[in-house]
């Protein structure tokens, strides 16, 4: 059974007495696919999200509503992650290695949302997040010609 039949095909015309056997078969398969797809989506979407999605009898429409809703959520998440990345500071509650890993993970999440953070920008964000006692290190980094990637930067700092 093709569960995605209702997601890939428009709703077929209603069957009539004069409909051919293959049309009747396709209509029944589409109806079953639509019903099961809707049930599956409604069962797996969190209740707080379900309440903001309009009721529809088409799995394809339901999926479009979900996509539309989360497109705007992705935009706000990008803003939140960018703010977190640019304002993050190293505090002594975690190691330097964990701090760099956390910042790298935020950059990876941004990339998965379509916002590429260049390696040299990430190194600069990490530099900016360091406390004042790393001032001499920052001056040294800024005076050398070479640009380090995050791995090189991490190995030097840790």
N, C-alpha and C. Protein backbone atom coordinates (compact mmCIF):
# COMPACT_ATOMS: atom_id res chain seq x y z
N UNK A 1 0.83 -1.18 0.00
CA UNK A 1 0.00 0.00 0.00
C UNK A 1 0.87 1.25 0.00
N UNK A 2 0.56 2.21 -0.84
CA UNK A 2 1.28 3.46 -0.91
C UNK A 2 0.67 4.46 0.06
N UNK A 3 1.32 4.63 1.22
CA UNK A 3 0.82 5.57 2.21
C UNK A 3 0.94 7.00 1.71
N UNK A 4 1.92 7.26 0.87
CA UNK A 4 2.14 8.62 0.38
C UNK A 4 1.32 8.96 -0.86
N UNK A 5 0.44 8.09 -1.26
CA UNK A 5 -0.39 8.32 -2.45
C UNK A 5 -1.16 9.63 -2.34
N UNK A 6 -1.74 9.90 -1.18
CA UNK A 6 -2.53 11.13 -0.99
C UNK A 6 -1.64 12.36 -0.93
N UNK A 7 -0.37 12.19 -0.58
CA UNK A 7 0.54 13.33 -0.51
C UNK A 7 1.11 13.68 -1.88
N UNK A 8 1.17 12.70 -2.75
CA UNK A 8 1.77 12.92 -4.07
C UNK A 8 0.76 13.21 -5.17
N UNK A 9 -0.50 12.86 -4.94
CA UNK A 9 -1.52 13.01 -5.98
C UNK A 9 -2.69 13.85 -5.48
N UNK A 10 -3.26 14.62 -6.40
CA UNK A 10 -4.47 15.36 -6.06
C UNK A 10 -5.61 14.38 -5.82
N UNK A 11 -6.62 14.88 -5.12
CA UNK A 11 -7.78 14.03 -4.86
C UNK A 11 -8.44 13.68 -6.19
N UNK A 12 -8.68 12.40 -6.42
CA UNK A 12 -9.32 12.02 -7.68
C UNK A 12 -10.79 12.45 -7.69
N UNK A 13 -11.34 12.51 -8.87
CA UNK A 13 -12.76 12.86 -8.97
C UNK A 13 -13.60 11.78 -8.31
N UNK A 14 -14.71 12.18 -7.76
CA UNK A 14 -15.59 11.25 -7.06
C UNK A 14 -16.04 10.15 -8.01
N UNK A 15 -16.07 8.94 -7.49
CA UNK A 15 -16.47 7.82 -8.35
C UNK A 15 -17.99 7.83 -8.56
N UNK A 16 -18.36 7.39 -9.72
CA UNK A 16 -19.78 7.30 -10.08
C UNK A 16 -20.06 5.88 -10.55
N UNK A 17 -21.29 5.64 -10.88
CA UNK A 17 -21.68 4.32 -11.38
C UNK A 17 -20.94 4.00 -12.67
N UNK A 18 -20.68 5.03 -13.47
CA UNK A 18 -20.04 4.80 -14.76
C UNK A 18 -18.50 4.79 -14.68
N UNK A 19 -17.93 4.93 -13.48
CA UNK A 19 -16.47 4.92 -13.34
C UNK A 19 -15.90 3.54 -13.65
N UNK A 20 -14.71 3.55 -14.24
CA UNK A 20 -14.04 2.30 -14.57
C UNK A 20 -13.50 1.65 -13.29
N UNK A 21 -13.15 0.41 -13.37
CA UNK A 21 -12.65 -0.35 -12.22
C UNK A 21 -11.33 0.23 -11.70
N UNK A 22 -10.43 0.64 -12.63
CA UNK A 22 -9.16 1.21 -12.18
C UNK A 22 -9.35 2.56 -11.49
N UNK A 23 -10.34 3.36 -11.93
CA UNK A 23 -10.64 4.63 -11.28
C UNK A 23 -11.19 4.39 -9.87
N UNK A 24 -12.06 3.39 -9.74
CA UNK A 24 -12.62 3.05 -8.43
C UNK A 24 -11.52 2.56 -7.49
N UNK A 25 -10.65 1.75 -8.02
CA UNK A 25 -9.54 1.21 -7.22
C UNK A 25 -8.61 2.33 -6.76
N UNK A 26 -8.26 3.24 -7.68
CA UNK A 26 -7.39 4.36 -7.34
C UNK A 26 -8.05 5.26 -6.30
N UNK A 27 -9.35 5.53 -6.46
CA UNK A 27 -10.07 6.39 -5.52
C UNK A 27 -10.05 5.78 -4.12
N UNK A 28 -10.32 4.49 -4.02
CA UNK A 28 -10.32 3.81 -2.72
C UNK A 28 -8.92 3.82 -2.10
N UNK A 29 -7.91 3.59 -2.91
CA UNK A 29 -6.53 3.61 -2.40
C UNK A 29 -6.14 5.01 -1.94
N UNK A 30 -6.56 6.03 -2.71
CA UNK A 30 -6.26 7.41 -2.33
C UNK A 30 -6.97 7.77 -1.02
N UNK A 31 -8.23 7.42 -0.90
CA UNK A 31 -9.00 7.69 0.33
C UNK A 31 -8.33 7.05 1.54
N UNK A 32 -7.93 5.80 1.40
CA UNK A 32 -7.27 5.09 2.51
C UNK A 32 -5.94 5.76 2.85
N UNK A 33 -5.17 6.09 1.85
CA UNK A 33 -3.90 6.76 2.05
C UNK A 33 -4.10 8.11 2.75
N UNK A 34 -5.08 8.86 2.31
CA UNK A 34 -5.37 10.17 2.89
C UNK A 34 -5.76 10.03 4.36
N UNK A 35 -6.66 9.11 4.64
CA UNK A 35 -7.15 8.90 6.01
C UNK A 35 -6.01 8.46 6.93
N UNK A 36 -5.20 7.49 6.49
CA UNK A 36 -4.10 7.01 7.32
C UNK A 36 -3.00 8.06 7.48
N UNK A 37 -2.72 8.81 6.43
CA UNK A 37 -1.71 9.87 6.51
C UNK A 37 -2.13 10.95 7.50
N UNK A 38 -3.39 11.37 7.41
CA UNK A 38 -3.90 12.36 8.36
C UNK A 38 -3.82 11.84 9.79
N UNK A 39 -4.24 10.61 9.99
CA UNK A 39 -4.22 10.02 11.32
C UNK A 39 -2.78 9.96 11.85
N UNK A 40 -1.87 9.53 11.01
CA UNK A 40 -0.47 9.42 11.40
C UNK A 40 0.11 10.79 11.77
N UNK A 41 -0.14 11.81 10.94
CA UNK A 41 0.37 13.15 11.22
C UNK A 41 -0.22 13.70 12.50
N UNK A 42 -1.52 13.56 12.68
CA UNK A 42 -2.17 14.09 13.88
C UNK A 42 -1.69 13.38 15.14
N UNK A 43 -1.37 12.11 15.04
CA UNK A 43 -0.88 11.36 16.20
C UNK A 43 0.53 11.78 16.59
N UNK A 44 1.33 12.20 15.62
CA UNK A 44 2.75 12.46 15.88
C UNK A 44 3.11 13.93 16.05
N UNK A 45 2.17 14.81 15.86
CA UNK A 45 2.43 16.24 16.05
C UNK A 45 2.01 16.60 17.47
N UNK A 46 2.85 17.37 18.14
CA UNK A 46 2.59 17.76 19.53
C UNK A 46 1.27 18.51 19.64
N UNK A 47 0.59 18.34 20.77
CA UNK A 47 -0.73 18.95 20.98
C UNK A 47 -0.70 20.46 20.86
N UNK A 48 0.34 21.11 21.38
CA UNK A 48 0.39 22.57 21.29
C UNK A 48 0.52 23.05 19.84
N UNK A 49 1.04 22.21 18.97
CA UNK A 49 1.14 22.57 17.55
C UNK A 49 -0.16 22.24 16.84
N UNK A 50 -0.77 21.12 17.20
CA UNK A 50 -2.04 20.71 16.57
C UNK A 50 -3.10 21.80 16.70
N UNK A 51 -3.10 22.47 17.85
CA UNK A 51 -4.15 23.46 18.10
C UNK A 51 -4.08 24.67 17.17
N UNK A 52 -2.92 24.92 16.57
CA UNK A 52 -2.79 26.09 15.69
C UNK A 52 -2.90 25.72 14.21
N UNK A 53 -3.05 24.44 13.92
CA UNK A 53 -3.19 24.00 12.53
C UNK A 53 -4.67 23.79 12.24
N UNK A 54 -5.19 24.47 11.23
CA UNK A 54 -6.62 24.32 10.91
C UNK A 54 -6.98 22.88 10.55
N UNK A 55 -8.19 22.50 10.90
CA UNK A 55 -8.68 21.17 10.56
C UNK A 55 -8.92 21.10 9.05
N UNK A 56 -8.50 20.02 8.47
CA UNK A 56 -8.70 19.80 7.04
C UNK A 56 -8.90 18.31 6.82
N UNK A 57 -9.50 17.98 5.72
CA UNK A 57 -9.73 16.57 5.41
C UNK A 57 -8.74 16.06 4.37
N UNK A 58 -7.76 16.87 4.04
CA UNK A 58 -6.76 16.47 3.06
C UNK A 58 -5.39 16.43 3.72
N UNK A 59 -4.71 15.30 3.61
CA UNK A 59 -3.37 15.15 4.19
C UNK A 59 -2.40 16.13 3.54
N UNK A 60 -2.57 16.35 2.27
CA UNK A 60 -1.69 17.27 1.54
C UNK A 60 -1.84 18.70 2.06
N UNK A 61 -3.07 19.15 2.26
CA UNK A 61 -3.32 20.49 2.81
C UNK A 61 -2.78 20.60 4.23
N UNK A 62 -2.99 19.57 5.03
CA UNK A 62 -2.52 19.56 6.41
C UNK A 62 -1.01 19.73 6.44
N UNK A 63 -0.31 19.01 5.58
CA UNK A 63 1.14 19.12 5.50
C UNK A 63 1.57 20.52 5.06
N UNK A 64 0.83 21.14 4.16
CA UNK A 64 1.14 22.50 3.73
C UNK A 64 0.98 23.49 4.88
N UNK A 65 -0.06 23.32 5.69
CA UNK A 65 -0.26 24.19 6.85
C UNK A 65 0.90 24.04 7.84
N UNK A 66 1.33 22.81 8.07
CA UNK A 66 2.45 22.57 8.99
C UNK A 66 3.72 23.21 8.45
N UNK A 67 3.98 23.02 7.16
CA UNK A 67 5.17 23.59 6.54
C UNK A 67 5.16 25.12 6.64
N UNK A 68 4.02 25.73 6.35
CA UNK A 68 3.89 27.18 6.40
C UNK A 68 4.14 27.69 7.82
N UNK A 69 3.60 26.99 8.78
CA UNK A 69 3.75 27.39 10.19
C UNK A 69 5.21 27.33 10.63
N UNK A 70 5.91 26.29 10.22
CA UNK A 70 7.29 26.11 10.67
C UNK A 70 8.30 26.89 9.87
N UNK A 71 7.93 27.38 8.71
CA UNK A 71 8.84 28.24 7.96
C UNK A 71 9.09 29.51 8.77
N UNK A 72 8.05 30.07 9.37
CA UNK A 72 8.23 31.27 10.19
C UNK A 72 8.93 30.93 11.50
N UNK A 73 8.71 29.73 12.03
CA UNK A 73 9.39 29.31 13.25
C UNK A 73 10.89 29.16 12.99
N UNK A 74 11.27 28.67 11.80
CA UNK A 74 12.68 28.56 11.45
C UNK A 74 13.35 29.92 11.42
N UNK A 75 12.66 30.92 10.89
CA UNK A 75 13.22 32.27 10.83
C UNK A 75 13.49 32.80 12.23
N UNK A 76 12.56 32.60 13.14
CA UNK A 76 12.77 33.11 14.49
C UNK A 76 13.85 32.31 15.20
N UNK A 77 13.97 31.01 14.90
CA UNK A 77 15.03 30.20 15.49
C UNK A 77 16.39 30.66 14.99
N UNK A 78 16.50 31.02 13.72
CA UNK A 78 17.76 31.54 13.18
C UNK A 78 18.16 32.79 13.95
N UNK A 79 17.21 33.69 14.18
CA UNK A 79 17.51 34.91 14.93
C UNK A 79 17.97 34.62 16.34
N UNK A 80 17.30 33.68 16.99
CA UNK A 80 17.67 33.31 18.36
C UNK A 80 19.07 32.70 18.40
N UNK A 81 19.34 31.79 17.47
CA UNK A 81 20.66 31.15 17.45
C UNK A 81 21.77 32.14 17.11
N UNK A 82 21.51 33.06 16.18
CA UNK A 82 22.52 34.08 15.85
C UNK A 82 22.81 34.96 17.06
N UNK A 83 21.76 35.35 17.78
CA UNK A 83 21.96 36.16 18.98
C UNK A 83 22.76 35.39 20.02
N UNK A 84 22.45 34.12 20.16
CA UNK A 84 23.17 33.29 21.13
C UNK A 84 24.64 33.15 20.74
N UNK A 85 24.90 32.93 19.46
CA UNK A 85 26.27 32.75 18.99
C UNK A 85 27.09 34.03 19.16
N UNK A 86 26.49 35.16 18.85
CA UNK A 86 27.25 36.42 18.89
C UNK A 86 27.41 36.99 20.29
N UNK A 87 26.57 36.59 21.23
CA UNK A 87 26.67 37.14 22.58
C UNK A 87 27.20 36.15 23.61
N UNK A 88 27.46 34.93 23.19
CA UNK A 88 27.93 33.90 24.12
C UNK A 88 29.29 34.28 24.68
N UNK A 89 29.48 34.01 25.97
CA UNK A 89 30.75 34.29 26.64
C UNK A 89 31.22 33.03 27.35
N UNK A 90 32.52 32.85 27.39
CA UNK A 90 33.09 31.73 28.12
C UNK A 90 32.99 32.03 29.61
N UNK A 91 32.30 31.18 30.31
CA UNK A 91 32.29 31.29 31.77
C UNK A 91 32.97 30.03 32.31
N UNK A 92 33.35 30.08 33.51
CA UNK A 92 34.13 28.97 34.07
C UNK A 92 33.26 27.77 34.46
N UNK A 93 31.99 27.76 34.05
CA UNK A 93 31.14 26.61 34.36
C UNK A 93 31.40 25.45 33.40
N UNK A 94 32.11 25.70 32.31
CA UNK A 94 32.46 24.64 31.37
C UNK A 94 33.88 24.86 30.87
N UNK A 95 34.43 23.81 30.32
CA UNK A 95 35.81 23.89 29.83
C UNK A 95 35.86 24.66 28.51
N UNK A 96 37.05 25.05 28.14
CA UNK A 96 37.25 25.73 26.85
C UNK A 96 36.80 24.83 25.71
N UNK A 97 37.14 23.55 25.80
CA UNK A 97 36.76 22.60 24.76
C UNK A 97 35.24 22.53 24.61
N UNK A 98 34.52 22.43 25.72
CA UNK A 98 33.05 22.38 25.67
C UNK A 98 32.46 23.67 25.14
N UNK A 99 33.07 24.79 25.48
CA UNK A 99 32.62 26.09 24.98
C UNK A 99 32.74 26.14 23.45
N UNK A 100 33.88 25.72 22.94
CA UNK A 100 34.10 25.72 21.48
C UNK A 100 33.14 24.75 20.80
N UNK A 101 32.95 23.58 21.40
CA UNK A 101 32.01 22.60 20.84
C UNK A 101 30.60 23.16 20.81
N UNK A 102 30.20 23.83 21.88
CA UNK A 102 28.85 24.42 21.92
C UNK A 102 28.67 25.48 20.84
N UNK A 103 29.67 26.33 20.66
CA UNK A 103 29.57 27.36 19.62
C UNK A 103 29.57 26.72 18.23
N UNK A 104 30.35 25.67 18.04
CA UNK A 104 30.38 24.96 16.76
C UNK A 104 29.03 24.30 16.48
N UNK A 105 28.42 23.75 17.52
CA UNK A 105 27.10 23.13 17.36
C UNK A 105 26.04 24.16 16.97
N UNK A 106 26.10 25.34 17.56
CA UNK A 106 25.16 26.41 17.18
C UNK A 106 25.35 26.78 15.71
N UNK A 107 26.61 26.89 15.29
CA UNK A 107 26.90 27.20 13.88
C UNK A 107 26.37 26.11 12.96
N UNK A 108 26.48 24.85 13.38
CA UNK A 108 25.96 23.73 12.58
C UNK A 108 24.44 23.78 12.50
N UNK A 109 23.78 24.13 13.61
CA UNK A 109 22.32 24.25 13.59
C UNK A 109 21.90 25.39 12.67
N UNK A 110 22.65 26.49 12.69
CA UNK A 110 22.35 27.60 11.78
C UNK A 110 22.50 27.16 10.33
N UNK A 111 23.53 26.39 10.05
CA UNK A 111 23.74 25.92 8.68
C UNK A 111 22.60 25.02 8.24
N UNK A 112 22.09 24.18 9.14
CA UNK A 112 20.98 23.30 8.77
C UNK A 112 19.70 24.09 8.51
N UNK A 113 19.65 25.34 9.01
CA UNK A 113 18.50 26.20 8.76
C UNK A 113 18.74 27.16 7.59
N UNK A 114 19.86 26.97 6.88
CA UNK A 114 20.14 27.77 5.69
C UNK A 114 21.01 28.99 5.94
N UNK A 115 21.56 29.14 7.13
CA UNK A 115 22.41 30.29 7.46
C UNK A 115 23.84 29.79 7.65
N UNK A 116 24.67 29.96 6.63
CA UNK A 116 26.04 29.46 6.70
C UNK A 116 26.90 30.40 7.53
N UNK A 117 27.61 29.83 8.50
CA UNK A 117 28.57 30.59 9.30
C UNK A 117 29.95 30.14 8.86
N UNK A 118 30.67 31.04 8.21
CA UNK A 118 32.00 30.75 7.71
C UNK A 118 32.94 30.41 8.87
N UNK A 119 33.91 29.54 8.62
CA UNK A 119 34.84 29.12 9.66
C UNK A 119 35.59 30.31 10.28
N UNK A 120 36.01 31.25 9.44
CA UNK A 120 36.74 32.41 9.98
C UNK A 120 35.84 33.27 10.86
N UNK A 121 34.54 33.36 10.52
CA UNK A 121 33.60 34.08 11.38
C UNK A 121 33.44 33.36 12.71
N UNK A 122 33.34 32.05 12.65
CA UNK A 122 33.18 31.28 13.88
C UNK A 122 34.39 31.44 14.79
N UNK A 123 35.58 31.41 14.21
CA UNK A 123 36.80 31.64 15.01
C UNK A 123 36.74 33.02 15.65
N UNK A 124 36.30 34.02 14.89
CA UNK A 124 36.20 35.37 15.44
C UNK A 124 35.16 35.45 16.55
N UNK A 125 34.02 34.78 16.37
CA UNK A 125 33.00 34.74 17.43
C UNK A 125 33.56 34.09 18.70
N UNK A 126 34.33 33.02 18.52
CA UNK A 126 34.93 32.35 19.68
C UNK A 126 35.93 33.29 20.36
N UNK A 127 36.76 33.96 19.56
CA UNK A 127 37.70 34.93 20.12
C UNK A 127 36.98 36.01 20.93
N UNK A 128 35.89 36.52 20.37
CA UNK A 128 35.13 37.57 21.05
C UNK A 128 34.46 37.08 22.33
N UNK A 129 34.27 35.78 22.43
CA UNK A 129 33.59 35.23 23.60
C UNK A 129 34.54 34.98 24.77
N UNK A 130 35.83 35.14 24.53
CA UNK A 130 36.81 34.84 25.58
C UNK A 130 36.89 35.98 26.60
N UNK A 131 37.19 35.65 27.85
CA UNK A 131 37.31 36.67 28.89
C UNK A 131 38.59 37.51 28.70
N UNK A 132 38.71 38.63 29.41
CA UNK A 132 39.85 39.55 29.22
C UNK A 132 41.23 38.92 29.41
N UNK A 133 41.34 37.89 30.22
CA UNK A 133 42.67 37.29 30.42
C UNK A 133 43.23 36.64 29.16
N UNK A 134 42.41 36.48 28.12
CA UNK A 134 42.88 35.96 26.84
C UNK A 134 43.26 37.09 25.88
N UNK A 135 43.33 38.31 26.38
CA UNK A 135 43.70 39.47 25.56
C UNK A 135 45.01 39.29 24.81
N UNK A 136 46.09 38.87 25.49
CA UNK A 136 47.36 38.67 24.76
C UNK A 136 47.24 37.63 23.64
N UNK A 137 46.46 36.59 23.88
CA UNK A 137 46.26 35.58 22.84
C UNK A 137 45.53 36.19 21.64
N UNK A 138 44.52 37.01 21.91
CA UNK A 138 43.77 37.66 20.83
C UNK A 138 44.67 38.58 20.02
N UNK A 139 45.52 39.34 20.71
CA UNK A 139 46.45 40.24 20.01
C UNK A 139 47.39 39.42 19.14
N UNK A 140 47.92 38.34 19.68
CA UNK A 140 48.82 37.47 18.92
C UNK A 140 48.12 36.91 17.68
N UNK A 141 46.89 36.43 17.83
CA UNK A 141 46.15 35.87 16.70
C UNK A 141 45.93 36.93 15.62
N UNK A 142 45.59 38.14 16.05
CA UNK A 142 45.30 39.21 15.09
C UNK A 142 46.55 39.69 14.35
N UNK A 143 47.75 39.45 14.90
CA UNK A 143 48.97 39.92 14.25
C UNK A 143 49.57 38.90 13.28
N UNK A 144 49.18 37.64 13.40
CA UNK A 144 49.75 36.64 12.48
C UNK A 144 48.99 36.66 11.15
N UNK A 145 49.68 36.24 10.10
CA UNK A 145 49.07 36.24 8.77
C UNK A 145 48.08 35.11 8.58
N UNK A 146 48.40 33.95 9.13
CA UNK A 146 47.56 32.77 8.92
C UNK A 146 46.22 32.91 9.62
N UNK A 147 45.20 32.35 8.97
CA UNK A 147 43.89 32.23 9.61
C UNK A 147 43.71 30.77 9.98
N UNK A 148 43.30 30.55 11.21
CA UNK A 148 43.10 29.18 11.67
C UNK A 148 41.66 28.76 11.45
N UNK A 149 41.49 27.47 11.22
CA UNK A 149 40.13 26.96 11.22
C UNK A 149 39.77 26.60 12.66
N UNK A 150 38.55 26.19 12.90
CA UNK A 150 38.08 25.94 14.27
C UNK A 150 38.88 24.83 14.93
N UNK A 151 39.24 23.79 14.19
CA UNK A 151 40.01 22.68 14.77
C UNK A 151 41.39 23.14 15.24
N UNK A 152 42.08 23.89 14.39
CA UNK A 152 43.40 24.41 14.78
C UNK A 152 43.28 25.34 15.97
N UNK A 153 42.30 26.20 15.92
CA UNK A 153 42.06 27.15 16.99
C UNK A 153 41.79 26.43 18.30
N UNK A 154 40.97 25.41 18.24
CA UNK A 154 40.62 24.63 19.43
C UNK A 154 41.84 23.91 20.00
N UNK A 155 42.66 23.33 19.13
CA UNK A 155 43.83 22.60 19.62
C UNK A 155 44.85 23.54 20.26
N UNK A 156 44.94 24.76 19.81
CA UNK A 156 45.87 25.73 20.40
C UNK A 156 45.35 26.22 21.75
N UNK A 157 44.04 26.44 21.83
CA UNK A 157 43.47 26.95 23.08
C UNK A 157 43.33 25.90 24.17
N UNK A 158 43.20 24.65 23.79
CA UNK A 158 42.97 23.63 24.82
C UNK A 158 44.19 22.78 25.07
